[in-house]
Amino acid sequence: MKSIIPQEVIENKILLIRGKKVILDKDLAAFYQVETKVLNRAVKRNIDRFPEDFMFRLNKNEFDNLRFHFGTSSYGGRRYIPFVFTEQGVAMLSSVLKSKRAIQANIQIIRTFTRLREIIISNRELRIKIEEMERKNESKFKVIFDIIKKLIATREKEINPNKRIGFKAK
């Protein structure tokens, strides 16, 4: 299947809020090529499918922090606080939005969430192995371990250079 949205674009729209990786309703609407209000209306008509761990509305503080983070003007723009969707919420959207575009976009978004999870897990496992080796052979390989740690830190920055995943609301 041909990609309709570049993976990097999806990755750059994933935020970390309340310890969960989420995507804003407006970004999902753009991926699906529908208006945000159309997406939110469809969700509200099927609200039983979207428990708090699938979708939630930001609180005022999180929204203000988000606006500050992205430099959104207080004039124009959103008139309400946005919904955000977790990976499970995105998957559930496929049962609510049935256009061909929505189905294709959903597949790509879910694959992106999965890829990010795999990268995080593999980096964590590698870090644990290196730390174990370092404890056992600290004096012999200190220089090597320092270089490896720098390489891991550089790789993590390359995976998501804009650090939106690292965003946390106050």
C-alpha atoms as a PDB file:
ATOM      1  CA  MET A   1       0.000   0.000   0.000  1.00  0.00           C
ATOM      2  CA  LYS A   2       1.316   3.428  -0.929  1.00  0.00           C
ATOM      3  CA  SER A   3       1.955   5.855   1.940  1.00  0.00           C
ATOM      4  CA  ILE A   4      -0.435   8.776   1.841  1.00  0.00           C
ATOM      5  CA  ILE A   5       1.282  10.537   4.762  1.00  0.00           C
ATOM      6  CA  PRO A   6       5.053  10.527   5.270  1.00  0.00           C
ATOM      7  CA  GLN A   7       5.965   8.698   8.483  1.00  0.00           C
ATOM      8  CA  GLU A   8       8.041  11.667   9.682  1.00  0.00           C
ATOM      9  CA  VAL A   9       4.954  13.889   9.479  1.00  0.00           C
ATOM     10  CA  ILE A  10       3.006  11.500  11.707  1.00  0.00           C
ATOM     11  CA  GLU A  11       5.930  11.174  14.141  1.00  0.00           C
ATOM     12  CA  ASN A  12       6.153  14.960  14.429  1.00  0.00           C
ATOM     13  CA  LYS A  13       2.485  15.180  15.433  1.00  0.00           C
ATOM     14  CA  ILE A  14       2.784  12.738  18.339  1.00  0.00           C
ATOM     15  CA  LEU A  15       2.922  14.462  21.724  1.00  0.00           C
ATOM     16  CA  LEU A  16       3.525  13.158  25.224  1.00  0.00           C
ATOM     17  CA  ILE A  17       0.761  14.446  27.492  1.00  0.00           C
ATOM     18  CA  ARG A  18      -0.160  12.945  30.871  1.00  0.00           C
ATOM     19  CA  GLY A  19       2.440  10.265  30.206  1.00  0.00           C
ATOM     20  CA  LYS A  20       0.629   9.082  27.061  1.00  0.00           C
ATOM     21  CA  LYS A  21       1.606   9.414  23.429  1.00  0.00           C
ATOM     22  CA  VAL A  22      -1.267  11.250  21.752  1.00  0.00           C
ATOM     23  CA  ILE A  23      -2.244  13.102  18.584  1.00  0.00           C
ATOM     24  CA  LEU A  24      -4.391  16.246  18.552  1.00  0.00           C
ATOM     25  CA  ASP A  25      -7.830  16.094  16.966  1.00  0.00           C
ATOM     26  CA  LYS A  26      -6.890  18.788  14.436  1.00  0.00           C
ATOM     27  CA  ASP A  27      -3.856  16.797  13.279  1.00  0.00           C
ATOM     28  CA  LEU A  28      -5.908  13.623  12.870  1.00  0.00           C
ATOM     29  CA  ALA A  29      -8.552  15.570  10.963  1.00  0.00           C
ATOM     30  CA  ALA A  30      -5.832  16.840   8.622  1.00  0.00           C
ATOM     31  CA  PHE A  31      -4.561  13.280   8.069  1.00  0.00           C
ATOM     32  CA  TYR A  32      -8.118  12.121   7.288  1.00  0.00           C
ATOM     33  CA  GLN A  33      -8.806  15.230   5.184  1.00  0.00           C
ATOM     34  CA  VAL A  34     -11.914  16.190   7.137  1.00  0.00           C
ATOM     35  CA  GLU A  35     -12.690  19.253   9.223  1.00  0.00           C
ATOM     36  CA  THR A  36     -11.858  18.971  12.921  1.00  0.00           C
ATOM     37  CA  LYS A  37     -15.491  19.617  13.841  1.00  0.00           C
ATOM     38  CA  VAL A  38     -16.589  16.720  11.581  1.00  0.00           C
ATOM     39  CA  LEU A  39     -14.146  14.360  13.307  1.00  0.00           C
ATOM     40  CA  ASN A  40     -15.242  15.520  16.771  1.00  0.00           C
ATOM     41  CA  ARG A  41     -18.950  15.229  15.888  1.00  0.00           C
ATOM     42  CA  ALA A  42     -18.422  11.633  14.752  1.00  0.00           C
ATOM     43  CA  VAL A  43     -16.606  10.889  18.009  1.00  0.00           C
ATOM     44  CA  LYS A  44     -19.340  12.515  20.126  1.00  0.00           C
ATOM     45  CA  ARG A  45     -21.999  10.455  18.323  1.00  0.00           C
ATOM     46  CA  ASN A  46     -20.023   7.342  19.321  1.00  0.00           C
ATOM     47  CA  ILE A  47     -18.683   8.523  22.676  1.00  0.00           C
ATOM     48  CA  ASP A  48     -19.100   5.089  24.308  1.00  0.00           C
ATOM     49  CA  ARG A  49     -16.295   3.840  22.043  1.00  0.00           C
ATOM     50  CA  PHE A  50     -13.833   6.392  23.473  1.00  0.00           C
ATOM     51  CA  PRO A  51     -13.068   5.888  27.166  1.00  0.00           C
ATOM     52  CA  GLU A  52     -10.560   8.192  28.900  1.00  0.00           C
ATOM     53  CA  ASP A  53      -7.580   5.981  27.983  1.00  0.00           C
ATOM     54  CA  PHE A  54      -8.499   6.241  24.267  1.00  0.00           C
ATOM     55  CA  MET A  55      -9.319   9.953  24.116  1.00  0.00           C
ATOM     56  CA  PHE A  56      -9.471  12.888  26.492  1.00  0.00           C
ATOM     57  CA  ARG A  57      -9.863  16.637  26.380  1.00  0.00           C
ATOM     58  CA  LEU A  58      -6.903  18.699  27.490  1.00  0.00           C
ATOM     59  CA  ASN A  59      -7.384  20.807  30.593  1.00  0.00           C
ATOM     60  CA  LYS A  60      -6.974  24.589  30.402  1.00  0.00           C
ATOM     61  CA  ASN A  61      -3.422  24.500  31.739  1.00  0.00           C
ATOM     62  CA  GLU A  62      -2.339  21.839  29.215  1.00  0.00           C
ATOM     63  CA  PHE A  63      -3.995  23.782  26.390  1.00  0.00           C
ATOM     64  CA  ASP A  64      -2.343  27.064  27.409  1.00  0.00           C
ATOM     65  CA  ASN A  65       0.999  25.289  27.670  1.00  0.00           C
ATOM     66  CA  LEU A  66       0.490  23.748  24.229  1.00  0.00           C
ATOM     67  CA  ARG A  67      -0.384  27.128  22.706  1.00  0.00           C
ATOM     68  CA  PHE A  68       2.702  28.665  24.294  1.00  0.00           C
ATOM     69  CA  HIS A  69       4.859  25.750  23.120  1.00  0.00           C
ATOM     70  CA  PHE A  70       3.811  26.190  19.486  1.00  0.00           C
ATOM     71  CA  GLY A  71       3.356  29.959  19.513  1.00  0.00           C
ATOM     72  CA  THR A  72      -0.311  29.857  18.543  1.00  0.00           C
ATOM     73  CA  SER A  73      -1.962  33.245  18.528  1.00  0.00           C
ATOM     74  CA  SER A  74      -4.808  33.880  20.925  1.00  0.00           C
ATOM     75  CA  TYR A  75      -6.605  35.633  18.048  1.00  0.00           C
ATOM     76  CA  GLY A  76      -8.456  33.340  15.693  1.00  0.00           C
ATOM     77  CA  GLY A  77      -7.555  29.669  15.812  1.00  0.00           C
ATOM     78  CA  ARG A  78      -9.326  27.292  18.174  1.00  0.00           C
ATOM     79  CA  ARG A  79     -12.342  28.373  20.146  1.00  0.00           C
ATOM     80  CA  TYR A  80     -12.390  25.255  22.320  1.00  0.00           C
ATOM     81  CA  ILE A  81      -9.933  23.014  24.097  1.00  0.00           C
ATOM     82  CA  PRO A  82      -8.918  20.103  21.844  1.00  0.00           C
ATOM     83  CA  PHE A  83      -9.371  16.386  22.225  1.00  0.00           C
ATOM     84  CA  VAL A  84      -6.308  14.165  22.012  1.00  0.00           C
ATOM     85  CA  PHE A  85      -6.304  10.522  20.941  1.00  0.00           C
ATOM     86  CA  THR A  86      -4.039   7.706  22.126  1.00  0.00           C
ATOM     87  CA  GLU A  87      -3.003   4.843  19.869  1.00  0.00           C
ATOM     88  CA  GLN A  88      -6.109   2.915  20.949  1.00  0.00           C
ATOM     89  CA  GLY A  89      -8.286   5.947  20.227  1.00  0.00           C
ATOM     90  CA  VAL A  90      -6.830   6.209  16.740  1.00  0.00           C
ATOM     91  CA  ALA A  91      -7.585   2.525  16.200  1.00  0.00           C
ATOM     92  CA  MET A  92     -11.161   3.073  17.395  1.00  0.00           C
ATOM     93  CA  LEU A  93     -11.560   5.963  14.950  1.00  0.00           C
ATOM     94  CA  SER A  94     -11.430   3.383  12.162  1.00  0.00           C
ATOM     95  CA  SER A  95     -14.831   2.127  13.326  1.00  0.00           C
ATOM     96  CA  VAL A  96     -16.261   5.655  13.255  1.00  0.00           C
ATOM     97  CA  LEU A  97     -14.682   7.149  10.129  1.00  0.00           C
ATOM     98  CA  LYS A  98     -15.102   4.809   7.186  1.00  0.00           C
ATOM     99  CA  SER A  99     -13.737   6.685   4.197  1.00  0.00           C
ATOM    100  CA  LYS A 100     -10.945   5.057   2.211  1.00  0.00           C
ATOM    101  CA  ARG A 101      -8.622   7.930   3.164  1.00  0.00           C
ATOM    102  CA  ALA A 102      -9.406   7.482   6.895  1.00  0.00           C
ATOM    103  CA  ILE A 103      -8.704   3.749   6.708  1.00  0.00           C
ATOM    104  CA  GLN A 104      -5.370   4.273   4.932  1.00  0.00           C
ATOM    105  CA  ALA A 105      -4.360   7.072   7.322  1.00  0.00           C
ATOM    106  CA  ASN A 106      -5.283   4.953  10.353  1.00  0.00           C
ATOM    107  CA  ILE A 107      -3.110   2.082   9.160  1.00  0.00           C
ATOM    108  CA  GLN A 108      -0.141   4.409   8.759  1.00  0.00           C
ATOM    109  CA  ILE A 109      -0.671   6.090  12.139  1.00  0.00           C
ATOM    110  CA  ILE A 110      -0.920   2.755  13.971  1.00  0.00           C
ATOM    111  CA  ARG A 111       2.239   1.527  12.222  1.00  0.00           C
ATOM    112  CA  THR A 112       4.037   4.705  13.315  1.00  0.00           C
ATOM    113  CA  PHE A 113       2.979   4.246  16.952  1.00  0.00           C
ATOM    114  CA  THR A 114       4.210   0.634  16.768  1.00  0.00           C
ATOM    115  CA  ARG A 115       7.541   1.650  15.231  1.00  0.00           C
ATOM    116  CA  LEU A 116       8.138   4.272  17.923  1.00  0.00           C
ATOM    117  CA  ARG A 117       7.357   1.738  20.656  1.00  0.00           C
ATOM    118  CA  GLU A 118       9.829  -0.742  19.118  1.00  0.00           C
ATOM    119  CA  ILE A 119      12.564   1.917  18.953  1.00  0.00           C
ATOM    120  CA  ILE A 120      12.030   2.890  22.578  1.00  0.00           C
ATOM    121  CA  ILE A 121      12.116  -0.746  23.721  1.00  0.00           C
ATOM    122  CA  SER A 122      15.248  -1.599  21.736  1.00  0.00           C
ATOM    123  CA  ASN A 123      17.084   1.494  23.030  1.00  0.00           C
ATOM    124  CA  ARG A 124      16.094   0.625  26.606  1.00  0.00           C
ATOM    125  CA  GLU A 125      17.326  -2.957  26.210  1.00  0.00           C
ATOM    126  CA  LEU A 126      20.617  -1.769  24.701  1.00  0.00           C
ATOM    127  CA  ARG A 127      21.135   0.725  27.526  1.00  0.00           C
ATOM    128  CA  ILE A 128      20.574  -1.996  30.156  1.00  0.00           C
ATOM    129  CA  LYS A 129      23.096  -4.309  28.468  1.00  0.00           C
ATOM    130  CA  ILE A 130      25.691  -1.544  28.259  1.00  0.00           C
ATOM    131  CA  GLU A 131      25.199  -0.618  31.915  1.00  0.00           C
ATOM    132  CA  GLU A 132      25.671  -4.273  32.932  1.00  0.00           C
ATOM    133  CA  MET A 133      28.872  -4.498  30.899  1.00  0.00           C
ATOM    134  CA  GLU A 134      30.070  -1.215  32.371  1.00  0.00           C
ATOM    135  CA  ARG A 135      29.573  -2.451  35.939  1.00  0.00           C
ATOM    136  CA  LYS A 136      31.532  -5.629  35.203  1.00  0.00           C
ATOM    137  CA  ASN A 137      34.379  -3.990  33.274  1.00  0.00           C
ATOM    138  CA  GLU A 138      34.308  -0.376  34.382  1.00  0.00           C
ATOM    139  CA  SER A 139      38.013   0.385  34.482  1.00  0.00           C
ATOM    140  CA  LYS A 140      38.946  -1.486  31.298  1.00  0.00           C
ATOM    141  CA  PHE A 141      36.415   0.076  28.956  1.00  0.00           C
ATOM    142  CA  LYS A 142      35.461   3.456  30.466  1.00  0.00           C
ATOM    143  CA  VAL A 143      36.365   5.413  27.307  1.00  0.00           C
ATOM    144  CA  ILE A 144      34.469   2.980  25.088  1.00  0.00           C
ATOM    145  CA  PHE A 145      31.365   3.117  27.308  1.00  0.00           C
ATOM    146  CA  ASP A 146      31.421   6.924  27.307  1.00  0.00           C
ATOM    147  CA  ILE A 147      31.506   6.927  23.490  1.00  0.00           C
ATOM    148  CA  ILE A 148      28.673   4.375  23.277  1.00  0.00           C
ATOM    149  CA  LYS A 149      26.527   6.466  25.654  1.00  0.00           C
ATOM    150  CA  LYS A 150      27.097   9.555  23.486  1.00  0.00           C
ATOM    151  CA  LEU A 151      26.149   7.575  20.366  1.00  0.00           C
ATOM    152  CA  ILE A 152      22.910   6.382  22.012  1.00  0.00           C
ATOM    153  CA  ALA A 153      22.033   9.934  23.080  1.00  0.00           C
ATOM    154  CA  THR A 154      22.721  11.197  19.543  1.00  0.00           C
ATOM    155  CA  ARG A 155      20.570   8.405  18.037  1.00  0.00           C
ATOM    156  CA  GLU A 156      17.666   9.280  20.338  1.00  0.00           C
ATOM    157  CA  LYS A 157      17.849  12.921  19.210  1.00  0.00           C
ATOM    158  CA  GLU A 158      17.890  11.815  15.544  1.00  0.00           C
ATOM    159  CA  ILE A 159      14.769   9.698  16.041  1.00  0.00           C
ATOM    160  CA  ASN A 160      12.761  12.740  17.057  1.00  0.00           C
ATOM    161  CA  PRO A 161      14.820  15.922  16.680  1.00  0.00           C
ATOM    162  CA  ASN A 162      11.952  18.313  17.435  1.00  0.00           C
ATOM    163  CA  LYS A 163      11.302  16.563  20.772  1.00  0.00           C
ATOM    164  CA  ARG A 164       7.505  16.852  20.563  1.00  0.00           C
ATOM    165  CA  ILE A 165       7.329  13.379  22.093  1.00  0.00           C
ATOM    166  CA  GLY A 166       9.136  14.823  25.082  1.00  0.00           C
ATOM    167  CA  PHE A 167       6.502  17.533  25.584  1.00  0.00           C
ATOM    168  CA  LYS A 168       4.827  17.483  28.955  1.00  0.00           C
ATOM    169  CA  ALA A 169       2.119  19.876  30.017  1.00  0.00           C
ATOM    170  CA  LYS A 170       2.645  21.709  33.305  1.00  0.00           C
END
